[in-house]
Amino acid sequence: MAQNKTTLACSECGSRNYSKNGGSATRTERLEVKKFCKYCKKHTLHRETK
């Protein structure tokens, strides 16, 4: 069984900072979480990418 790998990208600078294994196949909307971006040096909204 293959695992889905999801990546979270910063909405301001576009850098891909966080990755997660086992993304839910039933979720239709993209995940949006406020996380710390080490490039912007502040908490920003991170969105799920493929």
PDB file of N, CA and C in Angstrom:
ATOM      1  N   MET A   1       0.837  -1.173   0.000  1.00  0.00           N
ATOM      2  CA  MET A   1       0.000   0.000   0.000  1.00  0.00           C
ATOM      3  C   MET A   1       0.887   1.243   0.000  1.00  0.00           C
ATOM      4  N   ALA A   2       0.693   2.141  -0.934  1.00  0.00           N
ATOM      5  CA  ALA A   2       1.507   3.348  -1.051  1.00  0.00           C
ATOM      6  C   ALA A   2       0.988   4.430  -0.115  1.00  0.00           C
ATOM      7  N   GLN A   3       1.927   5.154   0.485  1.00  0.00           N
ATOM      8  CA  GLN A   3       1.552   6.258   1.352  1.00  0.00           C
ATOM      9  C   GLN A   3       1.551   7.555   0.564  1.00  0.00           C
ATOM     10  N   ASN A   4       0.637   8.429   0.901  1.00  0.00           N
ATOM     11  CA  ASN A   4       0.600   9.739   0.277  1.00  0.00           C
ATOM     12  C   ASN A   4       1.529  10.667   1.048  1.00  0.00           C
ATOM     13  N   LYS A   5       2.402  11.365   0.350  1.00  0.00           N
ATOM     14  CA  LYS A   5       3.299  12.308   0.987  1.00  0.00           C
ATOM     15  C   LYS A   5       2.832  13.713   0.653  1.00  0.00           C
ATOM     16  N   THR A   6       2.552  14.502   1.688  1.00  0.00           N
ATOM     17  CA  THR A   6       2.102  15.865   1.486  1.00  0.00           C
ATOM     18  C   THR A   6       3.184  16.819   1.963  1.00  0.00           C
ATOM     19  N   THR A   7       3.242  17.985   1.352  1.00  0.00           N
ATOM     20  CA  THR A   7       4.226  18.998   1.693  1.00  0.00           C
ATOM     21  C   THR A   7       3.493  20.296   1.976  1.00  0.00           C
ATOM     22  N   LEU A   8       3.967  21.027   2.994  1.00  0.00           N
ATOM     23  CA  LEU A   8       3.388  22.319   3.318  1.00  0.00           C
ATOM     24  C   LEU A   8       4.325  23.410   2.841  1.00  0.00           C
ATOM     25  N   ALA A   9       3.799  24.368   2.078  1.00  0.00           N
ATOM     26  CA  ALA A   9       4.591  25.470   1.538  1.00  0.00           C
ATOM     27  C   ALA A   9       4.114  26.781   2.150  1.00  0.00           C
ATOM     28  N   CYS A  10       5.051  27.666   2.421  1.00  0.00           N
ATOM     29  CA  CYS A  10       4.757  28.987   2.967  1.00  0.00           C
ATOM     30  C   CYS A  10       3.991  29.803   1.925  1.00  0.00           C
ATOM     31  N   SER A  11       2.933  30.470   2.351  1.00  0.00           N
ATOM     32  CA  SER A  11       2.131  31.250   1.409  1.00  0.00           C
ATOM     33  C   SER A  11       2.797  32.583   1.051  1.00  0.00           C
ATOM     34  N   GLU A  12       3.754  33.043   1.846  1.00  0.00           N
ATOM     35  CA  GLU A  12       4.410  34.324   1.554  1.00  0.00           C
ATOM     36  C   GLU A  12       5.644  34.161   0.673  1.00  0.00           C
ATOM     37  N   CYS A  13       6.578  33.281   1.073  1.00  0.00           N
ATOM     38  CA  CYS A  13       7.821  33.150   0.297  1.00  0.00           C
ATOM     39  C   CYS A  13       7.822  31.936  -0.625  1.00  0.00           C
ATOM     40  N   GLY A  14       6.909  30.982  -0.421  1.00  0.00           N
ATOM     41  CA  GLY A  14       6.801  29.827  -1.302  1.00  0.00           C
ATOM     42  C   GLY A  14       7.727  28.671  -0.972  1.00  0.00           C
ATOM     43  N   SER A  15       8.532  28.788   0.072  1.00  0.00           N
ATOM     44  CA  SER A  15       9.450  27.696   0.409  1.00  0.00           C
ATOM     45  C   SER A  15       8.677  26.537   1.030  1.00  0.00           C
ATOM     46  N   ARG A  16       9.121  25.337   0.712  1.00  0.00           N
ATOM     47  CA  ARG A  16       8.467  24.127   1.212  1.00  0.00           C
ATOM     48  C   ARG A  16       9.213  23.662   2.453  1.00  0.00           C
ATOM     49  N   ASN A  17       8.615  23.923   3.624  1.00  0.00           N
ATOM     50  CA  ASN A  17       9.295  23.726   4.893  1.00  0.00           C
ATOM     51  C   ASN A  17       8.934  22.430   5.608  1.00  0.00           C
ATOM     52  N   TYR A  18       7.713  21.984   5.491  1.00  0.00           N
ATOM     53  CA  TYR A  18       7.236  20.843   6.263  1.00  0.00           C
ATOM     54  C   TYR A  18       6.712  19.766   5.330  1.00  0.00           C
ATOM     55  N   SER A  19       6.967  18.498   5.691  1.00  0.00           N
ATOM     56  CA  SER A  19       6.407  17.385   4.933  1.00  0.00           C
ATOM     57  C   SER A  19       5.787  16.395   5.907  1.00  0.00           C
ATOM     58  N   LYS A  20       4.828  15.625   5.411  1.00  0.00           N
ATOM     59  CA  LYS A  20       4.058  14.716   6.247  1.00  0.00           C
ATOM     60  C   LYS A  20       3.723  13.479   5.436  1.00  0.00           C
ATOM     61  N   ASN A  21       3.880  12.314   6.008  1.00  0.00           N
ATOM     62  CA  ASN A  21       3.518  11.059   5.350  1.00  0.00           C
ATOM     63  C   ASN A  21       2.105  10.676   5.738  1.00  0.00           C
ATOM     64  N   GLY A  22       1.432   9.977   4.843  1.00  0.00           N
ATOM     65  CA  GLY A  22       0.120   9.430   5.158  1.00  0.00           C
ATOM     66  C   GLY A  22      -0.998  10.433   5.099  1.00  0.00           C
ATOM     67  N   GLY A  23      -1.022  11.258   4.080  1.00  0.00           N
ATOM     68  CA  GLY A  23      -2.110  12.216   3.910  1.00  0.00           C
ATOM     69  C   GLY A  23      -3.434  11.507   3.679  1.00  0.00           C
ATOM     70  N   SER A  24      -4.492  12.081   4.157  1.00  0.00           N
ATOM     71  CA  SER A  24      -5.812  11.468   4.050  1.00  0.00           C
ATOM     72  C   SER A  24      -6.321  11.518   2.614  1.00  0.00           C
ATOM     73  N   ALA A  25      -6.753  10.394   2.102  1.00  0.00           N
ATOM     74  CA  ALA A  25      -7.271  10.325   0.740  1.00  0.00           C
ATOM     75  C   ALA A  25      -8.712  10.828   0.675  1.00  0.00           C
ATOM     76  N   THR A  26      -9.397  10.900   1.816  1.00  0.00           N
ATOM     77  CA  THR A  26     -10.794  11.308   1.828  1.00  0.00           C
ATOM     78  C   THR A  26     -10.952  12.823   1.909  1.00  0.00           C
ATOM     79  N   ARG A  27      -9.901  13.536   2.229  1.00  0.00           N
ATOM     80  CA  ARG A  27      -9.974  14.994   2.354  1.00  0.00           C
ATOM     81  C   ARG A  27      -9.995  15.617   0.956  1.00  0.00           C
ATOM     82  N   THR A  28     -10.958  16.499   0.703  1.00  0.00           N
ATOM     83  CA  THR A  28     -11.064  17.122  -0.613  1.00  0.00           C
ATOM     84  C   THR A  28     -10.426  18.509  -0.636  1.00  0.00           C
ATOM     85  N   GLU A  29     -10.364  19.186   0.506  1.00  0.00           N
ATOM     86  CA  GLU A  29      -9.771  20.513   0.577  1.00  0.00           C
ATOM     87  C   GLU A  29      -8.311  20.414   0.985  1.00  0.00           C
ATOM     88  N   ARG A  30      -7.527  21.393   0.579  1.00  0.00           N
ATOM     89  CA  ARG A  30      -6.112  21.406   0.944  1.00  0.00           C
ATOM     90  C   ARG A  30      -5.945  21.902   2.373  1.00  0.00           C
ATOM     91  N   LEU A  31      -5.002  21.312   3.061  1.00  0.00           N
ATOM     92  CA  LEU A  31      -4.730  21.642   4.446  1.00  0.00           C
ATOM     93  C   LEU A  31      -4.078  23.017   4.542  1.00  0.00           C
ATOM     94  N   GLU A  32      -4.527  23.856   5.477  1.00  0.00           N
ATOM     95  CA  GLU A  32      -3.949  25.166   5.723  1.00  0.00           C
ATOM     96  C   GLU A  32      -3.676  25.301   7.212  1.00  0.00           C
ATOM     97  N   VAL A  33      -2.411  25.541   7.582  1.00  0.00           N
ATOM     98  CA  VAL A  33      -2.006  25.609   8.977  1.00  0.00           C
ATOM     99  C   VAL A  33      -1.056  26.778   9.158  1.00  0.00           C
ATOM    100  N   LYS A  34      -1.150  27.473  10.294  1.00  0.00           N
ATOM    101  CA  LYS A  34      -0.179  28.513  10.603  1.00  0.00           C
ATOM    102  C   LYS A  34       1.034  27.853  11.234  1.00  0.00           C
ATOM    103  N   LYS A  35       2.204  28.010  10.584  1.00  0.00           N
ATOM    104  CA  LYS A  35       3.461  27.420  11.057  1.00  0.00           C
ATOM    105  C   LYS A  35       4.552  28.474  11.008  1.00  0.00           C
ATOM    106  N   PHE A  36       5.672  28.198  11.666  1.00  0.00           N
ATOM    107  CA  PHE A  36       6.803  29.105  11.642  1.00  0.00           C
ATOM    108  C   PHE A  36       7.643  28.837  10.398  1.00  0.00           C
ATOM    109  N   CYS A  37       7.921  29.894   9.625  1.00  0.00           N
ATOM    110  CA  CYS A  37       8.772  29.794   8.443  1.00  0.00           C
ATOM    111  C   CYS A  37      10.156  30.301   8.822  1.00  0.00           C
ATOM    112  N   LYS A  38      11.173  29.460   8.656  1.00  0.00           N
ATOM    113  CA  LYS A  38      12.522  29.861   9.041  1.00  0.00           C
ATOM    114  C   LYS A  38      13.141  30.845   8.052  1.00  0.00           C
ATOM    115  N   TYR A  39      12.560  30.972   6.861  1.00  0.00           N
ATOM    116  CA  TYR A  39      13.074  31.919   5.878  1.00  0.00           C
ATOM    117  C   TYR A  39      12.462  33.308   6.068  1.00  0.00           C
ATOM    118  N   CYS A  40      11.167  33.356   6.397  1.00  0.00           N
ATOM    119  CA  CYS A  40      10.504  34.628   6.679  1.00  0.00           C
ATOM    120  C   CYS A  40      10.744  35.077   8.124  1.00  0.00           C
ATOM    121  N   LYS A  41      11.095  34.111   8.974  1.00  0.00           N
ATOM    122  CA  LYS A  41      11.323  34.330  10.401  1.00  0.00           C
ATOM    123  C   LYS A  41      10.078  34.847  11.130  1.00  0.00           C
ATOM    124  N   LYS A  42       8.907  34.298  10.742  1.00  0.00           N
ATOM    125  CA  LYS A  42       7.658  34.615  11.414  1.00  0.00           C
ATOM    126  C   LYS A  42       6.637  33.512  11.139  1.00  0.00           C
ATOM    127  N   HIS A  43       5.557  33.539  11.890  1.00  0.00           N
ATOM    128  CA  HIS A  43       4.476  32.582  11.683  1.00  0.00           C
ATOM    129  C   HIS A  43       3.641  33.016  10.492  1.00  0.00           C
ATOM    130  N   THR A  44       3.492  32.123   9.522  1.00  0.00           N
ATOM    131  CA  THR A  44       2.738  32.410   8.306  1.00  0.00           C
ATOM    132  C   THR A  44       1.816  31.241   8.002  1.00  0.00           C
ATOM    133  N   LEU A  45       0.900  31.465   7.104  1.00  0.00           N
ATOM    134  CA  LEU A  45      -0.002  30.412   6.665  1.00  0.00           C
ATOM    135  C   LEU A  45       0.720  29.486   5.709  1.00  0.00           C
ATOM    136  N   HIS A  46       0.687  28.191   5.982  1.00  0.00           N
ATOM    137  CA  HIS A  46       1.310  27.186   5.116  1.00  0.00           C
ATOM    138  C   HIS A  46       0.199  26.355   4.494  1.00  0.00           C
ATOM    139  N   ARG A  47       0.267  26.146   3.195  1.00  0.00           N
ATOM    140  CA  ARG A  47      -0.748  25.391   2.471  1.00  0.00           C
ATOM    141  C   ARG A  47      -0.166  24.081   1.943  1.00  0.00           C
ATOM    142  N   GLU A  48      -1.026  23.097   1.830  1.00  0.00           N
ATOM    143  CA  GLU A  48      -0.631  21.773   1.333  1.00  0.00           C
ATOM    144  C   GLU A  48      -0.353  21.826  -0.166  1.00  0.00           C
ATOM    145  N   THR A  49       0.756  21.241  -0.581  1.00  0.00           N
ATOM    146  CA  THR A  49       1.091  21.102  -2.006  1.00  0.00           C
ATOM    147  C   THR A  49       1.222  19.623  -2.326  1.00  0.00           C
ATOM    148  N   LYS A  50       1.438  19.320  -3.590  1.00  0.00           N
ATOM    149  CA  LYS A  50       1.612  17.917  -3.971  1.00  0.00           C
ATOM    150  C   LYS A  50       3.054  17.545  -4.073  1.00  0.00           C
TER     151      LYS A  50
END
